[in-house]
PDB file of all heavy atoms in Angstrom:
ATOM      1  N   SER A   1     137.180 100.677 112.364  1.00  0.00           N
ATOM      2  CA  SER A   1     137.289 101.441 111.127  1.00  0.00           C
ATOM      3  C   SER A   1     136.012 102.279 110.967  1.00  0.00           C
ATOM      4  O   SER A   1     134.992 102.152 111.599  1.00  0.00           O
ATOM      5  CB  SER A   1     137.437 100.519 109.947  1.00  0.00           C
ATOM      6  OG  SER A   1     136.371  99.634 109.862  1.00  0.00           O
ATOM      7  N   ASN A   2     136.056 103.062 109.855  1.00  0.00           N
ATOM      8  CA  ASN A   2     134.878 103.953 109.579  1.00  0.00           C
ATOM      9  C   ASN A   2     133.689 103.145 109.205  1.00  0.00           C
ATOM     10  O   ASN A   2     132.563 103.396 109.605  1.00  0.00           O
ATOM     11  CB  ASN A   2     135.251 104.883 108.466  1.00  0.00           C
ATOM     12  CG  ASN A   2     134.160 105.865 108.111  1.00  0.00           C
ATOM     13  OD1 ASN A   2     133.324 105.628 107.235  1.00  0.00           O
ATOM     14  ND2 ASN A   2     134.108 107.017 108.831  1.00  0.00           N
ATOM     15  N   THR A   3     133.897 102.021 108.437  1.00  0.00           N
ATOM     16  CA  THR A   3     132.761 101.188 107.984  1.00  0.00           C
ATOM     17  C   THR A   3     132.175 100.481 109.152  1.00  0.00           C
ATOM     18  O   THR A   3     130.941 100.379 109.305  1.00  0.00           O
ATOM     19  CB  THR A   3     133.274 100.160 106.940  1.00  0.00           C
ATOM     20  OG1 THR A   3     133.864 100.911 105.915  1.00  0.00           O
ATOM     21  CG2 THR A   3     132.130  99.331 106.450  1.00  0.00           C
ATOM     22  N   LYS A   4     133.000  99.923 110.050  1.00  0.00           N
ATOM     23  CA  LYS A   4     132.484  99.258 111.232  1.00  0.00           C
ATOM     24  C   LYS A   4     131.768 100.161 112.181  1.00  0.00           C
ATOM     25  O   LYS A   4     130.741  99.809 112.744  1.00  0.00           O
ATOM     26  CB  LYS A   4     133.676  98.530 111.956  1.00  0.00           C
ATOM     27  CG  LYS A   4     133.173  97.572 113.109  1.00  0.00           C
ATOM     28  CD  LYS A   4     134.295  96.861 113.733  1.00  0.00           C
ATOM     29  CE  LYS A   4     133.806  95.946 114.815  1.00  0.00           C
ATOM     30  NZ  LYS A   4     134.944  95.156 115.399  1.00  0.00           N
ATOM     31  N   ALA A   5     132.257 101.392 112.350  1.00  0.00           N
ATOM     32  CA  ALA A   5     131.635 102.361 113.186  1.00  0.00           C
ATOM     33  C   ALA A   5     130.261 102.748 112.629  1.00  0.00           C
ATOM     34  O   ALA A   5     129.235 102.877 113.381  1.00  0.00           O
ATOM     35  CB  ALA A   5     132.487 103.600 113.323  1.00  0.00           C
ATOM     36  N   LEU A   6     130.184 102.888 111.292  1.00  0.00           N
ATOM     37  CA  LEU A   6     128.911 103.200 110.669  1.00  0.00           C
ATOM     38  C   LEU A   6     127.887 102.038 110.856  1.00  0.00           C
ATOM     39  O   LEU A   6     126.710 102.238 111.055  1.00  0.00           O
ATOM     40  CB  LEU A   6     129.068 103.546 109.213  1.00  0.00           C
ATOM     41  CG  LEU A   6     127.870 103.957 108.411  1.00  0.00           C
ATOM     42  CD1 LEU A   6     127.227 105.176 109.032  1.00  0.00           C
ATOM     43  CD2 LEU A   6     128.195 104.181 106.949  1.00  0.00           C
ATOM     44  N   GLY A   7     128.363 100.794 110.689  1.00  0.00           N
ATOM     45  CA  GLY A   7     127.484  99.664 110.910  1.00  0.00           C
ATOM     46  C   GLY A   7     127.034  99.562 112.334  1.00  0.00           C
ATOM     47  O   GLY A   7     125.830  99.212 112.564  1.00  0.00           O
ATOM     48  N   ILE A   8     127.876  99.879 113.334  1.00  0.00           N
ATOM     49  CA  ILE A   8     127.425  99.838 114.673  1.00  0.00           C
ATOM     50  C   ILE A   8     126.354 100.830 114.915  1.00  0.00           C
ATOM     51  O   ILE A   8     125.364 100.627 115.658  1.00  0.00           O
ATOM     52  CB  ILE A   8     128.669 100.136 115.646  1.00  0.00           C
ATOM     53  CG1 ILE A   8     129.598  98.859 115.514  1.00  0.00           C
ATOM     54  CG2 ILE A   8     128.216 100.300 117.023  1.00  0.00           C
ATOM     55  CD1 ILE A   8     130.917  99.125 116.257  1.00  0.00           C
ATOM     56  N   LEU A   9     126.515 102.092 114.373  1.00  0.00           N
ATOM     57  CA  LEU A   9     125.471 103.131 114.557  1.00  0.00           C
ATOM     58  C   LEU A   9     124.209 102.687 113.876  1.00  0.00           C
ATOM     59  O   LEU A   9     123.042 102.902 114.436  1.00  0.00           O
ATOM     60  CB  LEU A   9     125.994 104.408 113.938  1.00  0.00           C
ATOM     61  CG  LEU A   9     127.040 105.148 114.767  1.00  0.00           C
ATOM     62  CD1 LEU A   9     127.509 106.402 114.043  1.00  0.00           C
ATOM     63  CD2 LEU A   9     126.517 105.547 116.148  1.00  0.00           C
ATOM     64  N   LEU A  10     124.226 102.117 112.657  1.00  0.00           N
ATOM     65  CA  LEU A  10     123.032 101.779 111.903  1.00  0.00           C
ATOM     66  C   LEU A  10     122.209 100.668 112.645  1.00  0.00           C
ATOM     67  O   LEU A  10     121.014 100.741 112.780  1.00  0.00           O
ATOM     68  CB  LEU A  10     123.405 101.381 110.496  1.00  0.00           C
ATOM     69  CG  LEU A  10     123.754 102.416 109.537  1.00  0.00           C
ATOM     70  CD1 LEU A  10     124.125 101.822 108.190  1.00  0.00           C
ATOM     71  CD2 LEU A  10     122.638 103.414 109.409  1.00  0.00           C
ATOM     72  N   TYR A  11     122.950  99.646 113.196  1.00  0.00           N
ATOM     73  CA  TYR A  11     122.271  98.517 113.772  1.00  0.00           C
ATOM     74  C   TYR A  11     122.080  98.571 115.217  1.00  0.00           C
ATOM     75  O   TYR A  11     121.709  97.558 115.838  1.00  0.00           O
ATOM     76  CB  TYR A  11     123.043  97.226 113.331  1.00  0.00           C
ATOM     77  CG  TYR A  11     122.898  96.946 111.885  1.00  0.00           C
ATOM     78  CD1 TYR A  11     123.887  97.252 110.981  1.00  0.00           C
ATOM     79  CD2 TYR A  11     121.716  96.329 111.386  1.00  0.00           C
ATOM     80  CE1 TYR A  11     123.840  97.003 109.641  1.00  0.00           C
ATOM     81  CE2 TYR A  11     121.592  96.097 109.990  1.00  0.00           C
ATOM     82  CZ  TYR A  11     122.657  96.417 109.144  1.00  0.00           C
ATOM     83  OH  TYR A  11     122.578  96.204 107.790  1.00  0.00           O
ATOM     84  N   THR A  12     122.449  99.650 115.852  1.00  0.00           N
ATOM     85  CA  THR A  12     122.159  99.854 117.248  1.00  0.00           C
ATOM     86  C   THR A  12     121.280 101.115 117.529  1.00  0.00           C
ATOM     87  O   THR A  12     120.117 100.918 117.924  1.00  0.00           O
ATOM     88  CB  THR A  12     123.427  99.975 118.084  1.00  0.00           C
ATOM     89  OG1 THR A  12     124.240 101.063 117.471  1.00  0.00           O
ATOM     90  CG2 THR A  12     124.260  98.692 118.073  1.00  0.00           C
ATOM     91  N   LYS A  13     121.813 102.238 117.277  1.00  0.00           N
ATOM     92  CA  LYS A  13     121.076 103.459 117.590  1.00  0.00           C
ATOM     93  C   LYS A  13     120.020 103.738 116.517  1.00  0.00           C
ATOM     94  O   LYS A  13     118.907 104.235 116.890  1.00  0.00           O
ATOM     95  CB  LYS A  13     122.090 104.615 117.666  1.00  0.00           C
ATOM     96  CG  LYS A  13     121.384 105.962 118.138  1.00  0.00           C
ATOM     97  CD  LYS A  13     122.492 107.025 118.264  1.00  0.00           C
ATOM     98  CE  LYS A  13     121.798 108.351 118.708  1.00  0.00           C
ATOM     99  NZ  LYS A  13     122.822 109.427 118.871  1.00  0.00           N
ATOM    100  N   TYR A  14     120.294 103.459 115.288  1.00  0.00           N
ATOM    101  CA  TYR A  14     119.290 103.712 114.196  1.00  0.00           C
ATOM    102  C   TYR A  14     118.767 102.485 113.612  1.00  0.00           C
ATOM    103  O   TYR A  14     118.518 102.383 112.383  1.00  0.00           O
ATOM    104  CB  TYR A  14     120.046 104.574 113.115  1.00  0.00           C
ATOM    105  CG  TYR A  14     120.565 105.899 113.569  1.00  0.00           C
ATOM    106  CD1 TYR A  14     121.962 106.065 113.890  1.00  0.00           C
ATOM    107  CD2 TYR A  14     119.738 106.963 113.721  1.00  0.00           C
ATOM    108  CE1 TYR A  14     122.439 107.256 114.306  1.00  0.00           C
ATOM    109  CE2 TYR A  14     120.291 108.169 114.220  1.00  0.00           C
ATOM    110  CZ  TYR A  14     121.608 108.338 114.488  1.00  0.00           C
ATOM    111  OH  TYR A  14     122.108 109.534 114.938  1.00  0.00           O
ATOM    112  N   LEU A  15     118.515 101.464 114.400  1.00  0.00           N
ATOM    113  CA  LEU A  15     118.000 100.195 113.893  1.00  0.00           C
ATOM    114  C   LEU A  15     116.548 100.355 113.374  1.00  0.00           C
ATOM    115  O   LEU A  15     116.236  99.894 112.278  1.00  0.00           O
ATOM    116  CB  LEU A  15     118.106  99.131 114.995  1.00  0.00           C
ATOM    117  CG  LEU A  15     117.559  97.737 114.604  1.00  0.00           C
ATOM    118  CD1 LEU A  15     118.263  97.216 113.353  1.00  0.00           C
ATOM    119  CD2 LEU A  15     117.578  96.816 115.745  1.00  0.00           C
ATOM    120  N   TYR A  16     115.699 100.961 114.220  1.00  0.00           N
ATOM    121  CA  TYR A  16     114.259 101.097 113.755  1.00  0.00           C
ATOM    122  C   TYR A  16     114.116 101.995 112.582  1.00  0.00           C
ATOM    123  O   TYR A  16     113.375 101.649 111.616  1.00  0.00           O
ATOM    124  CB  TYR A  16     113.428 101.595 114.981  1.00  0.00           C
ATOM    125  CG  TYR A  16     113.321 100.587 116.072  1.00  0.00           C
ATOM    126  CD1 TYR A  16     113.969 100.838 117.300  1.00  0.00           C
ATOM    127  CD2 TYR A  16     112.605  99.406 115.881  1.00  0.00           C
ATOM    128  CE1 TYR A  16     113.817  99.878 118.315  1.00  0.00           C
ATOM    129  CE2 TYR A  16     112.505  98.490 116.890  1.00  0.00           C
ATOM    130  CZ  TYR A  16     113.091  98.667 118.071  1.00  0.00           C
ATOM    131  OH  TYR A  16     112.970  97.780 119.121  1.00  0.00           O
ATOM    132  N   PRO A  17     114.816 103.136 112.442  1.00  0.00           N
ATOM    133  CA  PRO A  17     114.680 103.948 111.190  1.00  0.00           C
ATOM    134  C   PRO A  17     115.191 103.201 110.028  1.00  0.00           C
ATOM    135  O   PRO A  17     114.678 103.283 108.924  1.00  0.00           O
ATOM    136  CB  PRO A  17     115.550 105.169 111.471  1.00  0.00           C
ATOM    137  CG  PRO A  17     115.531 105.335 112.943  1.00  0.00           C
ATOM    138  CD  PRO A  17     115.503 103.904 113.521  1.00  0.00           C
ATOM    139  N   LEU A  18     116.234 102.351 110.204  1.00  0.00           N
ATOM    140  CA  LEU A  18     116.812 101.502 109.088  1.00  0.00           C
ATOM    141  C   LEU A  18     115.773 100.492 108.642  1.00  0.00           C
ATOM    142  O   LEU A  18     115.505 100.292 107.454  1.00  0.00           O
ATOM    143  CB  LEU A  18     118.031 100.787 109.520  1.00  0.00           C
ATOM    144  CG  LEU A  18     118.743  99.948 108.464  1.00  0.00           C
ATOM    145  CD1 LEU A  18     119.166 100.758 107.292  1.00  0.00           C
ATOM    146  CD2 LEU A  18     119.902  99.156 109.039  1.00  0.00           C
ATOM    147  N   GLU A  19     115.097  99.820 109.569  1.00  0.00           N
ATOM    148  CA  GLU A  19     114.039  98.885 109.156  1.00  0.00           C
ATOM    149  C   GLU A  19     112.832  99.515 108.546  1.00  0.00           C
ATOM    150  O   GLU A  19     112.242  98.952 107.574  1.00  0.00           O
ATOM    151  CB  GLU A  19     113.601  98.079 110.467  1.00  0.00           C
ATOM    152  CG  GLU A  19     114.689  97.196 111.022  1.00  0.00           C
ATOM    153  CD  GLU A  19     114.205  96.462 112.248  1.00  0.00           C
ATOM    154  OE1 GLU A  19     113.144  96.807 112.743  1.00  0.00           O
ATOM    155  OE2 GLU A  19     114.927  95.518 112.706  1.00  0.00           O
ATOM    156  N   ILE A  20     112.494 100.715 109.006  1.00  0.00           N
ATOM    157  CA  ILE A  20     111.380 101.425 108.384  1.00  0.00           C
ATOM    158  C   ILE A  20     111.723 101.772 106.921  1.00  0.00           C
ATOM    159  O   ILE A  20     110.844 101.694 106.032  1.00  0.00           O
ATOM    160  CB  ILE A  20     111.010 102.662 109.269  1.00  0.00           C
ATOM    161  CG1 ILE A  20     110.436 102.229 110.583  1.00  0.00           C
ATOM    162  CG2 ILE A  20     109.985 103.571 108.446  1.00  0.00           C
ATOM    163  CD1 ILE A  20     110.169 103.375 111.503  1.00  0.00           C
ATOM    164  N   ALA A  21     112.900 102.313 106.742  1.00  0.00           N
ATOM    165  CA  ALA A  21     113.374 102.675 105.398  1.00  0.00           C
ATOM    166  C   ALA A  21     113.380 101.480 104.456  1.00  0.00           C
ATOM    167  O   ALA A  21     112.955 101.507 103.268  1.00  0.00           O
ATOM    168  CB  ALA A  21     114.751 103.323 105.434  1.00  0.00           C
ATOM    169  N   ALA A  22     113.836 100.258 105.055  1.00  0.00           N
ATOM    170  CA  ALA A  22     113.899  99.075 104.184  1.00  0.00           C
ATOM    171  C   ALA A  22     112.421  98.628 103.814  1.00  0.00           C
ATOM    172  O   ALA A  22     112.187  98.203 102.709  1.00  0.00           O
ATOM    173  CB  ALA A  22     114.550  97.968 104.955  1.00  0.00           C
ATOM    174  N   ALA A  23     111.494  98.724 104.819  1.00  0.00           N
ATOM    175  CA  ALA A  23     110.136  98.414 104.511  1.00  0.00           C
ATOM    176  C   ALA A  23     109.532  99.370 103.464  1.00  0.00           C
ATOM    177  O   ALA A  23     108.791  98.918 102.540  1.00  0.00           O
ATOM    178  CB  ALA A  23     109.256  98.446 105.833  1.00  0.00           C
ATOM    179  N   ILE A  24     109.828 100.632 103.469  1.00  0.00           N
ATOM    180  CA  ILE A  24     109.320 101.595 102.515  1.00  0.00           C
ATOM    181  C   ILE A  24     109.823 101.284 101.160  1.00  0.00           C
ATOM    182  O   ILE A  24     109.122 101.353 100.152  1.00  0.00           O
ATOM    183  CB  ILE A  24     109.685 102.999 102.994  1.00  0.00           C
ATOM    184  CG1 ILE A  24     108.884 103.421 104.235  1.00  0.00           C
ATOM    185  CG2 ILE A  24     109.323 104.017 101.853  1.00  0.00           C
ATOM    186  CD1 ILE A  24     109.285 104.776 104.772  1.00  0.00           C
ATOM    187  N   LEU A  25     111.111 100.924 101.081  1.00  0.00           N
ATOM    188  CA  LEU A  25     111.733 100.568  99.744  1.00  0.00           C
ATOM    189  C   LEU A  25     111.108  99.326  99.229  1.00  0.00           C
ATOM    190  O   LEU A  25     110.896  99.182  98.049  1.00  0.00           O
ATOM    191  CB  LEU A  25     113.243 100.388  99.911  1.00  0.00           C
ATOM    192  CG  LEU A  25     114.063 101.677 100.227  1.00  0.00           C
ATOM    193  CD1 LEU A  25     115.492 101.355 100.415  1.00  0.00           C
ATOM    194  CD2 LEU A  25     113.889 102.648  99.006  1.00  0.00           C
ATOM    195  N   LEU A  26     110.852  98.298 100.055  1.00  0.00           N
ATOM    196  CA  LEU A  26     110.171  97.120  99.655  1.00  0.00           C
ATOM    197  C   LEU A  26     108.791  97.388  99.135  1.00  0.00           C
ATOM    198  O   LEU A  26     108.383  96.834  98.083  1.00  0.00           O
ATOM    199  CB  LEU A  26     110.135  96.111 100.822  1.00  0.00           C
ATOM    200  CG  LEU A  26     109.469  94.708 100.490  1.00  0.00           C
ATOM    201  CD1 LEU A  26     110.203  94.002  99.401  1.00  0.00           C
ATOM    202  CD2 LEU A  26     109.390  93.890 101.748  1.00  0.00           C
ATOM    203  N   VAL A  27     108.034  98.230  99.801  1.00  0.00           N
ATOM    204  CA  VAL A  27     106.686  98.570  99.325  1.00  0.00           C
ATOM    205  C   VAL A  27     106.766  99.266  97.994  1.00  0.00           C
ATOM    206  O   VAL A  27     105.980  99.043  97.092  1.00  0.00           O
ATOM    207  CB  VAL A  27     105.939  99.389 100.358  1.00  0.00           C
ATOM    208  CG1 VAL A  27     104.654  99.964  99.839  1.00  0.00           C
ATOM    209  CG2 VAL A  27     105.675  98.546 101.637  1.00  0.00           C
ATOM    210  N   GLY A  28     107.735 100.212  97.874  1.00  0.00           N
ATOM    211  CA  GLY A  28     107.892 100.919  96.599  1.00  0.00           C
ATOM    212  C   GLY A  28     108.254  99.979  95.433  1.00  0.00           C
ATOM    213  O   GLY A  28     107.753 100.120  94.319  1.00  0.00           O
ATOM    214  N   MET A  29     109.114  98.991  95.700  1.00  0.00           N
ATOM    215  CA  MET A  29     109.446  98.036  94.676  1.00  0.00           C
ATOM    216  C   MET A  29     108.255  97.225  94.227  1.00  0.00           C
ATOM    217  O   MET A  29     108.031  96.959  93.054  1.00  0.00           O
ATOM    218  CB  MET A  29     110.610  97.126  95.186  1.00  0.00           C
ATOM    219  CG  MET A  29     111.118  96.117  94.152  1.00  0.00           C
ATOM    220  SD  MET A  29     112.502  95.148  94.792  1.00  0.00           S
ATOM    221  CE  MET A  29     111.685  94.285  96.113  1.00  0.00           C
ATOM    222  N   ILE A  30     107.502  96.706  95.186  1.00  0.00           N
ATOM    223  CA  ILE A  30     106.258  95.869  94.908  1.00  0.00           C
ATOM    224  C   ILE A  30     105.288  96.798  94.180  1.00  0.00           C
ATOM    225  O   ILE A  30     104.641  96.312  93.198  1.00  0.00           O
ATOM    226  CB  ILE A  30     105.674  95.371  96.171  1.00  0.00           C
ATOM    227  CG1 ILE A  30     106.653  94.341  96.793  1.00  0.00           C
ATOM    228  CG2 ILE A  30     104.354  94.611  95.893  1.00  0.00           C
ATOM    229  CD1 ILE A  30     106.209  93.828  98.153  1.00  0.00           C
ATOM    230  N   ALA A  31     105.098  98.059  94.536  1.00  0.00           N
ATOM    231  CA  ALA A  31     104.158  98.901  93.836  1.00  0.00           C
ATOM    232  C   ALA A  31     104.573  99.192  92.457  1.00  0.00           C
ATOM    233  O   ALA A  31     103.728  99.202  91.492  1.00  0.00           O
ATOM    234  CB  ALA A  31     103.979 100.212  94.620  1.00  0.00           C
ATOM    235  N   ALA A  32     105.877  99.361  92.173  1.00  0.00           N
ATOM    236  CA  ALA A  32     106.340  99.558  90.821  1.00  0.00           C
ATOM    237  C   ALA A  32     106.110  98.390  89.949  1.00  0.00           C
ATOM    238  O   ALA A  32     105.698  98.485  88.795  1.00  0.00           O
ATOM    239  CB  ALA A  32     107.817  99.920  90.846  1.00  0.00           C
ATOM    240  N   ILE A  33     106.335  97.173  90.467  1.00  0.00           N
ATOM    241  CA  ILE A  33     106.035  95.969  89.748  1.00  0.00           C
ATOM    242  C   ILE A  33     104.576  95.839  89.458  1.00  0.00           C
ATOM    243  O   ILE A  33     104.165  95.460  88.348  1.00  0.00           O
ATOM    244  CB  ILE A  33     106.613  94.739  90.485  1.00  0.00           C
ATOM    245  CG1 ILE A  33     108.085  94.773  90.622  1.00  0.00           C
ATOM    246  CG2 ILE A  33     106.203  93.385  89.787  1.00  0.00           C
ATOM    247  CD1 ILE A  33     108.717  93.699  91.495  1.00  0.00           C
ATOM    248  N   ALA A  34     103.733  96.126  90.458  1.00  0.00           N
ATOM    249  CA  ALA A  34     102.247  96.001  90.260  1.00  0.00           C
ATOM    250  C   ALA A  34     101.720  97.004  89.238  1.00  0.00           C
ATOM    251  O   ALA A  34     100.819  96.682  88.522  1.00  0.00           O
ATOM    252  CB  ALA A  34     101.530  96.173  91.628  1.00  0.00           C
ATOM    253  N   LEU A  35     102.289  98.208  89.242  1.00  0.00           N
ATOM    254  CA  LEU A  35     101.796  99.257  88.269  1.00  0.00           C
ATOM    255  C   LEU A  35     102.229  98.904  86.849  1.00  0.00           C
ATOM    256  O   LEU A  35     101.534  99.269  85.904  1.00  0.00           O
ATOM    257  CB  LEU A  35     102.329 100.603  88.709  1.00  0.00           C
ATOM    258  CG  LEU A  35     101.718 101.200  90.005  1.00  0.00           C
ATOM    259  CD1 LEU A  35     102.477 102.464  90.347  1.00  0.00           C
ATOM    260  CD2 LEU A  35     100.248 101.425  89.821  1.00  0.00           C
ATOM    261  N   THR A  36     103.394  98.333  86.643  1.00  0.00           N
ATOM    262  CA  THR A  36     103.882  98.067  85.289  1.00  0.00           C
ATOM    263  C   THR A  36     103.449  96.733  84.790  1.00  0.00           C
ATOM    264  O   THR A  36     103.625  96.410  83.622  1.00  0.00           O
ATOM    265  CB  THR A  36     105.394  98.122  85.283  1.00  0.00           C
ATOM    266  OG1 THR A  36     105.977  97.186  86.271  1.00  0.00           O
ATOM    267  CG2 THR A  36     105.843  99.501  85.595  1.00  0.00           C
ATOM    268  N   LEU A  37     102.807  95.857  85.590  1.00  0.00           N
ATOM    269  CA  LEU A  37     102.427  94.577  85.188  1.00  0.00           C
ATOM    270  C   LEU A  37     101.035  94.642  84.453  1.00  0.00           C
ATOM    271  O   LEU A  37     100.038  95.131  85.061  1.00  0.00           O
ATOM    272  CB  LEU A  37     102.349  93.603  86.362  1.00  0.00           C
ATOM    273  CG  LEU A  37     101.956  92.142  86.048  1.00  0.00           C
ATOM    274  CD1 LEU A  37     103.096  91.506  85.137  1.00  0.00           C
ATOM    275  CD2 LEU A  37     101.841  91.304  87.317  1.00  0.00           C
ATOM    276  N   ARG A  38     101.025  94.263  83.242  1.00  0.00           N
ATOM    277  CA  ARG A  38      99.837  94.266  82.494  1.00  0.00           C
ATOM    278  C   ARG A  38      99.599  92.960  81.825  1.00  0.00           C
ATOM    279  O   ARG A  38     100.505  92.369  81.259  1.00  0.00           O
ATOM    280  CB  ARG A  38      99.835  95.412  81.377  1.00  0.00           C
ATOM    281  CG  ARG A  38      99.960  96.810  81.929  1.00  0.00           C
ATOM    282  CD  ARG A  38      98.651  97.236  82.570  1.00  0.00           C
ATOM    283  NE  ARG A  38      98.624  98.659  82.976  1.00  0.00           N
ATOM    284  CZ  ARG A  38      99.062  99.017  84.256  1.00  0.00           C
ATOM    285  NH1 ARG A  38      99.484  98.069  85.099  1.00  0.00           N
ATOM    286  NH2 ARG A  38      99.105 100.250  84.574  1.00  0.00           N
ATOM    287  N   HIS A  39      98.299  92.509  81.809  1.00  0.00           N
ATOM    288  CA  HIS A  39      97.953  91.254  81.154  1.00  0.00           C
ATOM    289  C   HIS A  39      97.319  91.595  79.770  1.00  0.00           C
ATOM    290  O   HIS A  39      96.183  92.124  79.807  1.00  0.00           O
ATOM    291  CB  HIS A  39      97.037  90.416  82.012  1.00  0.00           C
ATOM    292  CG  HIS A  39      97.659  89.903  83.305  1.00  0.00           C
ATOM    293  ND1 HIS A  39      98.595  88.901  83.345  1.00  0.00           N
ATOM    294  CD2 HIS A  39      97.566  90.381  84.561  1.00  0.00           C
ATOM    295  CE1 HIS A  39      98.988  88.707  84.571  1.00  0.00           C
ATOM    296  NE2 HIS A  39      98.349  89.546  85.366  1.00  0.00           N
ATOM    297  N   ARG A  40      97.936  91.377  78.736  1.00  0.00           N
ATOM    298  CA  ARG A  40      97.427  91.673  77.403  1.00  0.00           C
ATOM    299  C   ARG A  40      96.615  90.446  76.929  1.00  0.00           C
ATOM    300  O   ARG A  40      97.090  89.297  76.983  1.00  0.00           O
ATOM    301  CB  ARG A  40      98.576  92.000  76.440  1.00  0.00           C
ATOM    302  CG  ARG A  40      99.334  93.234  76.820  1.00  0.00           C
ATOM    303  CD  ARG A  40     100.425  93.467  75.819  1.00  0.00           C
ATOM    304  NE  ARG A  40      99.962  93.621  74.466  1.00  0.00           N
ATOM    305  CZ  ARG A  40     100.723  93.771  73.424  1.00  0.00           C
ATOM    306  NH1 ARG A  40     102.053  93.880  73.554  1.00  0.00           N
ATOM    307  NH2 ARG A  40     100.232  93.870  72.208  1.00  0.00           N
ATOM    308  N   LYS A  41      95.462  90.726  76.400  1.00  0.00           N
ATOM    309  CA  LYS A  41      94.542  89.682  75.840  1.00  0.00           C
ATOM    310  C   LYS A  41      94.990  89.231  74.483  1.00  0.00           C
ATOM    311  O   LYS A  41      94.579  88.097  74.090  1.00  0.00           O
ATOM    312  CB  LYS A  41      93.143  90.204  75.857  1.00  0.00           C
ATOM    313  CG  LYS A  41      92.614  90.501  77.241  1.00  0.00           C
ATOM    314  CD  LYS A  41      91.169  90.990  77.197  1.00  0.00           C
ATOM    315  CE  LYS A  41      90.610  91.278  78.596  1.00  0.00           C
ATOM    316  NZ  LYS A  41      89.230  91.727  78.526  1.00  0.00           N
TER     317      LYS A  41
END
């Protein structure tokens, strides 16, 4: 099917770009949490 074919392409030919994109999104999420976290006295 179309979904299975897309999954085969993502996890075979484009595996490293997919992992790099996932790492960038994880860093962005952690950075957003760190920037908005404030300790009020």
